[in-house]
């Protein structure tokens, strides 16, 4: 069975769309076939991205810069990672278990629906998208003359069809990654709790914030951002058809150290 078909079967169970009762055997078969066809095409047109990475005015004036090729530095104030159109669900849970020892997905490690590992996702500068996920690696460098405190914030700019409920945002700073997601909705296994192995969004539109204290001239940080729709999320269902999300990651300077500052 194709990736789209196998994920369709999982989505059918998650969304409880196959409730058929008191109908003829022929009607059951026809309805099941129709439902399978609908779910097989339900994510055609679902979009992952785009994602914009920016420096604000103070960060720019303090000497912060961005580029997406470590071997050919082309300094930028904004980088746009193009969207992935027609994205099906993927899962980051292959081979992983919950606190009770239950597998989080039936798909084994190496299956085509499994997200690649961090080593692969961070191995290519610039875009490293798959058919169903967005991955982008860039660099933040301090080319100014004074130490600064930096803050970065990821914001959900727009969303449609409830796509933000099933999306995952993974951010990797210098090889250390964290995955962010909205809290489980009413359709989840534990409504109001974090999704398995994720950190909850900070707010309705704020995904995460991180501070870099005393960022010194010459310092470089490698950043990789990954987006995908988690196929094991209860919100990954037919309602997401043609939906999409857009995010922005902004860097700002919160303090500029003077020569006599400790």
Protein backbone atom coordinates (compact mmCIF):
# COMPACT_ATOMS: atom_id res chain seq x y z
CA UNK A 1 0.00 0.00 0.00
CA UNK A 2 1.26 3.50 -0.80
CA UNK A 3 2.32 5.99 1.86
CA UNK A 4 -0.77 8.06 1.19
CA UNK A 5 -3.01 5.02 1.45
CA UNK A 6 -1.47 3.71 4.67
CA UNK A 7 -1.67 7.11 6.31
CA UNK A 8 -5.23 7.40 5.11
CA UNK A 9 -6.08 4.24 7.01
CA UNK A 10 -4.52 5.68 10.17
CA UNK A 11 -6.39 8.94 9.75
CA UNK A 12 -9.67 7.10 9.34
CA UNK A 13 -9.19 5.55 12.77
CA UNK A 14 -8.02 8.79 14.37
CA UNK A 15 -10.94 10.83 13.09
CA UNK A 16 -13.52 8.09 13.77
CA UNK A 17 -14.90 8.55 10.30
CA UNK A 18 -15.77 4.91 9.74
CA UNK A 19 -18.88 4.69 11.96
CA UNK A 20 -21.21 2.61 9.81
CA UNK A 21 -24.18 0.77 11.31
CA UNK A 22 -27.38 -0.94 10.22
CA UNK A 23 -26.60 -0.92 6.52
CA UNK A 24 -26.31 -3.69 4.00
CA UNK A 25 -23.04 -5.50 3.36
CA UNK A 26 -22.89 -3.89 -0.07
CA UNK A 27 -23.46 -0.48 1.46
CA UNK A 28 -20.68 -1.06 3.98
CA UNK A 29 -18.22 -2.00 1.25
CA UNK A 30 -19.21 0.94 -0.94
CA UNK A 31 -19.01 3.38 1.95
CA UNK A 32 -15.64 2.03 3.08
CA UNK A 33 -14.21 2.31 -0.42
CA UNK A 34 -15.52 5.85 -0.80
CA UNK A 35 -14.16 6.89 2.60
CA UNK A 36 -10.77 5.37 1.78
CA UNK A 37 -10.66 7.27 -1.51
CA UNK A 38 -11.56 10.53 0.23
CA UNK A 39 -8.85 10.09 2.84
CA UNK A 40 -6.33 9.02 0.23
CA UNK A 41 -6.67 12.40 -1.46
CA UNK A 42 -7.64 14.46 1.57
CA UNK A 43 -4.23 16.06 2.04
CA UNK A 44 -3.63 16.94 -1.58
CA UNK A 45 -3.18 20.68 -1.43
CA UNK A 46 -2.25 20.77 2.26
CA UNK A 47 0.74 23.09 2.57
CA UNK A 48 3.73 23.07 4.91
CA UNK A 49 5.23 26.55 5.24
CA UNK A 50 6.38 28.99 4.30
CA UNK A 51 8.83 30.00 7.01
CA UNK A 52 10.54 33.39 7.19
CA UNK A 53 13.69 34.09 9.22
CA UNK A 54 14.41 37.76 9.93
CA UNK A 55 16.54 40.23 11.87
CA UNK A 56 14.89 43.30 13.33
CA UNK A 57 16.45 46.76 13.01
CA UNK A 58 18.30 46.67 16.34
CA UNK A 59 19.77 43.24 15.60
CA UNK A 60 20.91 44.44 12.20
CA UNK A 61 22.47 47.61 13.62
CA UNK A 62 24.25 45.54 16.30
CA UNK A 63 25.99 43.44 13.67
CA UNK A 64 23.79 40.35 13.43
CA UNK A 65 23.56 38.68 10.04
CA UNK A 66 22.06 35.57 8.46
CA UNK A 67 23.26 33.31 5.66
CA UNK A 68 22.43 29.82 4.44
CA UNK A 69 25.76 28.52 3.11
CA UNK A 70 28.70 28.18 5.50
CA UNK A 71 31.17 27.90 2.59
CA UNK A 72 29.83 30.87 0.62
CA UNK A 73 28.60 33.48 3.05
CA UNK A 74 26.07 35.83 1.50
CA UNK A 75 24.90 38.05 4.34
CA UNK A 76 21.14 38.60 4.52
CA UNK A 77 18.58 40.23 6.77
CA UNK A 78 15.78 37.90 5.69
CA UNK A 79 15.60 34.31 4.47
CA UNK A 80 12.41 32.73 3.15
CA UNK A 81 12.01 28.96 3.15
CA UNK A 82 9.47 28.12 0.47
CA UNK A 83 6.47 26.01 1.33
CA UNK A 84 6.03 22.32 0.58
CA UNK A 85 2.77 21.91 -1.30
CA UNK A 86 0.60 18.79 -1.27
CA UNK A 87 2.12 17.47 1.96
CA UNK A 88 0.90 14.24 3.53
CA UNK A 89 1.40 13.42 7.18
CA UNK A 90 4.68 12.12 8.53
CA UNK A 91 5.49 10.83 12.01
CA UNK A 92 8.41 11.40 14.34
CA UNK A 93 7.29 8.55 16.61
CA UNK A 94 8.71 5.56 14.72
CA UNK A 95 10.24 3.11 17.19
CA UNK A 96 9.30 5.24 20.21
CA UNK A 97 7.07 4.34 23.16
CA UNK A 98 5.00 6.29 25.65
CA UNK A 99 5.46 6.20 29.42
CA UNK A 100 3.39 3.03 29.61
CA UNK A 101 5.56 1.22 27.11
CA UNK A 102 3.12 1.43 24.21
CA UNK A 103 4.38 2.16 20.72
CA UNK A 104 3.42 5.67 19.63
CA UNK A 105 3.01 4.51 16.03
CA UNK A 106 2.81 1.08 14.37
CA UNK A 107 5.20 2.17 11.62
CA UNK A 108 8.73 0.78 12.12
CA UNK A 109 11.91 2.84 11.94
CA UNK A 110 12.85 3.31 8.30
CA UNK A 111 9.30 3.35 6.97
CA UNK A 112 8.62 5.99 4.34
CA UNK A 113 6.25 7.82 6.70
CA UNK A 114 8.96 8.23 9.37
CA UNK A 115 10.67 11.59 9.74
CA UNK A 116 14.42 11.54 9.05
CA UNK A 117 16.77 11.88 12.00
CA UNK A 118 18.44 15.14 13.01
CA UNK A 119 21.76 14.13 11.49
CA UNK A 120 20.19 13.96 8.05
CA UNK A 121 17.99 17.03 8.49
CA UNK A 122 20.97 19.20 9.48
CA UNK A 123 23.39 17.78 6.91
CA UNK A 124 22.60 20.21 4.08
CA UNK A 125 22.74 24.01 4.27
CA UNK A 126 19.72 25.89 2.97
CA UNK A 127 16.65 23.89 1.91
CA UNK A 128 16.61 20.17 2.60
CA UNK A 129 12.91 19.47 2.11
CA UNK A 130 11.30 16.09 1.67
CA UNK A 131 8.08 15.50 -0.22
CA UNK A 132 6.09 15.99 2.98
CA UNK A 133 8.19 18.16 5.28
CA UNK A 134 10.10 21.43 5.27
CA UNK A 135 13.68 21.56 6.55
CA UNK A 136 15.94 24.60 6.33
CA UNK A 137 19.40 25.24 7.77
CA UNK A 138 20.91 28.69 8.13
CA UNK A 139 23.48 30.47 10.25
CA UNK A 140 23.34 33.42 12.63
CA UNK A 141 26.63 35.30 12.95
CA UNK A 142 27.71 38.30 15.00
CA UNK A 143 29.87 40.51 12.79
CA UNK A 144 29.58 43.56 15.05
CA UNK A 145 31.95 44.86 17.72
CA UNK A 146 30.05 44.60 21.03
CA UNK A 147 28.67 41.71 23.05
CA UNK A 148 24.87 41.49 22.99
CA UNK A 149 21.98 39.55 24.47
CA UNK A 150 19.83 38.06 21.72
CA UNK A 151 16.30 36.74 21.74
CA UNK A 152 14.64 34.70 19.04
CA UNK A 153 10.89 34.12 18.77
CA UNK A 154 8.90 31.89 16.45
CA UNK A 155 5.42 33.17 15.69
CA UNK A 156 2.51 31.57 13.88
CA UNK A 157 1.64 34.20 11.27
CA UNK A 158 -1.39 32.52 9.74
CA UNK A 159 -3.19 29.19 9.62
CA UNK A 160 -6.19 27.75 7.83
CA UNK A 161 -8.45 24.73 8.28
CA UNK A 162 -7.01 24.08 11.75
CA UNK A 163 -3.67 23.01 10.30
CA UNK A 164 -1.84 24.50 13.28
CA UNK A 165 -3.38 21.83 15.52
CA UNK A 166 -1.46 19.01 13.81
CA UNK A 167 1.74 20.79 12.81
CA UNK A 168 5.09 20.15 14.47
CA UNK A 169 7.90 22.71 14.63
CA UNK A 170 11.33 21.32 15.44
CA UNK A 171 14.18 23.76 16.07
CA UNK A 172 17.80 22.62 16.28
CA UNK A 173 20.44 25.03 17.61
CA UNK A 174 23.99 23.71 17.12
CA UNK A 175 22.80 20.11 17.19
CA UNK A 176 20.40 20.41 20.14
CA UNK A 177 16.77 20.01 19.09
CA UNK A 178 13.33 20.62 20.56
CA UNK A 179 9.94 19.86 19.01
CA UNK A 180 6.99 22.19 19.61
CA UNK A 181 3.26 21.52 19.21
CA UNK A 182 -0.07 22.81 20.44
CA UNK A 183 -1.62 21.10 23.44
CA UNK A 184 -3.86 18.13 22.76
CA UNK A 185 -7.33 19.14 21.66
CA UNK A 186 -10.61 17.59 22.79
CA UNK A 187 -10.09 14.78 20.30
CA UNK A 188 -6.74 13.82 21.80
CA UNK A 189 -5.99 10.97 24.18
CA UNK A 190 -5.39 13.42 27.04
CA UNK A 191 -7.02 16.78 26.17
CA UNK A 192 -5.07 19.74 27.50
CA UNK A 193 -1.84 17.78 27.96
CA UNK A 194 1.25 18.17 25.78
CA UNK A 195 1.49 16.01 22.70
CA UNK A 196 3.93 13.11 23.25
CA UNK A 197 7.60 14.15 23.23
CA UNK A 198 6.83 17.81 22.52
CA UNK A 199 7.05 21.18 24.25
CA UNK A 200 3.76 23.13 24.12
CA UNK A 201 3.46 26.39 22.20
CA UNK A 202 3.98 29.35 24.53
CA UNK A 203 0.74 30.94 23.41
CA UNK A 204 -1.93 30.99 20.75
CA UNK A 205 0.48 32.35 18.15
CA UNK A 206 3.84 32.18 19.96
CA UNK A 207 5.60 28.89 19.37
CA UNK A 208 8.81 29.42 21.34
CA UNK A 209 11.32 31.95 22.64
CA UNK A 210 15.01 31.49 23.32
CA UNK A 211 17.63 33.85 24.72
CA UNK A 212 21.31 33.90 23.82
CA UNK A 213 23.16 35.62 26.66
CA UNK A 214 26.34 37.56 25.94
CA UNK A 215 26.59 36.72 22.26
CA UNK A 216 30.11 37.81 21.33
CA UNK A 217 31.56 39.17 18.07
CA UNK A 218 32.54 36.31 15.78
CA UNK A 219 30.09 33.86 17.36
CA UNK A 220 28.12 31.67 14.93
CA UNK A 221 25.03 29.55 15.60
CA UNK A 222 23.79 26.88 13.23
CA UNK A 223 19.99 26.78 13.11
CA UNK A 224 17.79 24.14 11.49
CA UNK A 225 14.01 24.42 11.45
CA UNK A 226 11.73 21.56 10.43
CA UNK A 227 7.96 21.58 9.83
CA UNK A 228 5.66 18.63 9.26
CA UNK A 229 2.13 17.45 9.96
CA UNK A 230 2.18 14.71 12.57
CA UNK A 231 0.19 11.81 11.16
CA UNK A 232 -0.45 10.34 14.63
CA UNK A 233 -2.03 13.58 15.87
CA UNK A 234 -5.79 13.22 16.36
CA UNK A 235 -6.24 16.52 14.50
CA UNK A 236 -4.56 15.17 11.38
CA UNK A 237 -7.83 14.39 9.60
CA UNK A 238 -9.89 15.25 6.57
CA UNK A 239 -10.74 18.70 7.95
CA UNK A 240 -7.19 19.80 7.15
CA UNK A 241 -7.71 19.39 3.42
CA UNK A 242 -6.23 22.43 1.60
CA UNK A 243 -5.15 23.96 4.91
CA UNK A 244 -1.76 25.45 5.66
CA UNK A 245 0.45 27.38 8.08
CA UNK A 246 2.97 30.22 7.91
CA UNK A 247 5.60 30.99 10.53
CA UNK A 248 8.18 33.68 11.22
CA UNK A 249 11.38 33.38 13.25
CA UNK A 250 12.67 36.78 14.33
CA UNK A 251 15.93 37.68 16.04
CA UNK A 252 16.20 40.81 18.17
CA UNK A 253 18.84 42.32 20.47
CA UNK A 254 17.67 42.95 24.03
CA UNK A 255 20.93 44.33 25.43
CA UNK A 256 24.15 45.83 24.10
CA UNK A 257 27.11 45.52 26.46
CA UNK A 258 29.42 48.49 26.87
CA UNK A 259 33.17 48.14 27.38
CA UNK A 260 32.91 48.52 31.16
CA UNK A 261 30.02 46.05 31.57
CA UNK A 262 30.72 42.77 33.37
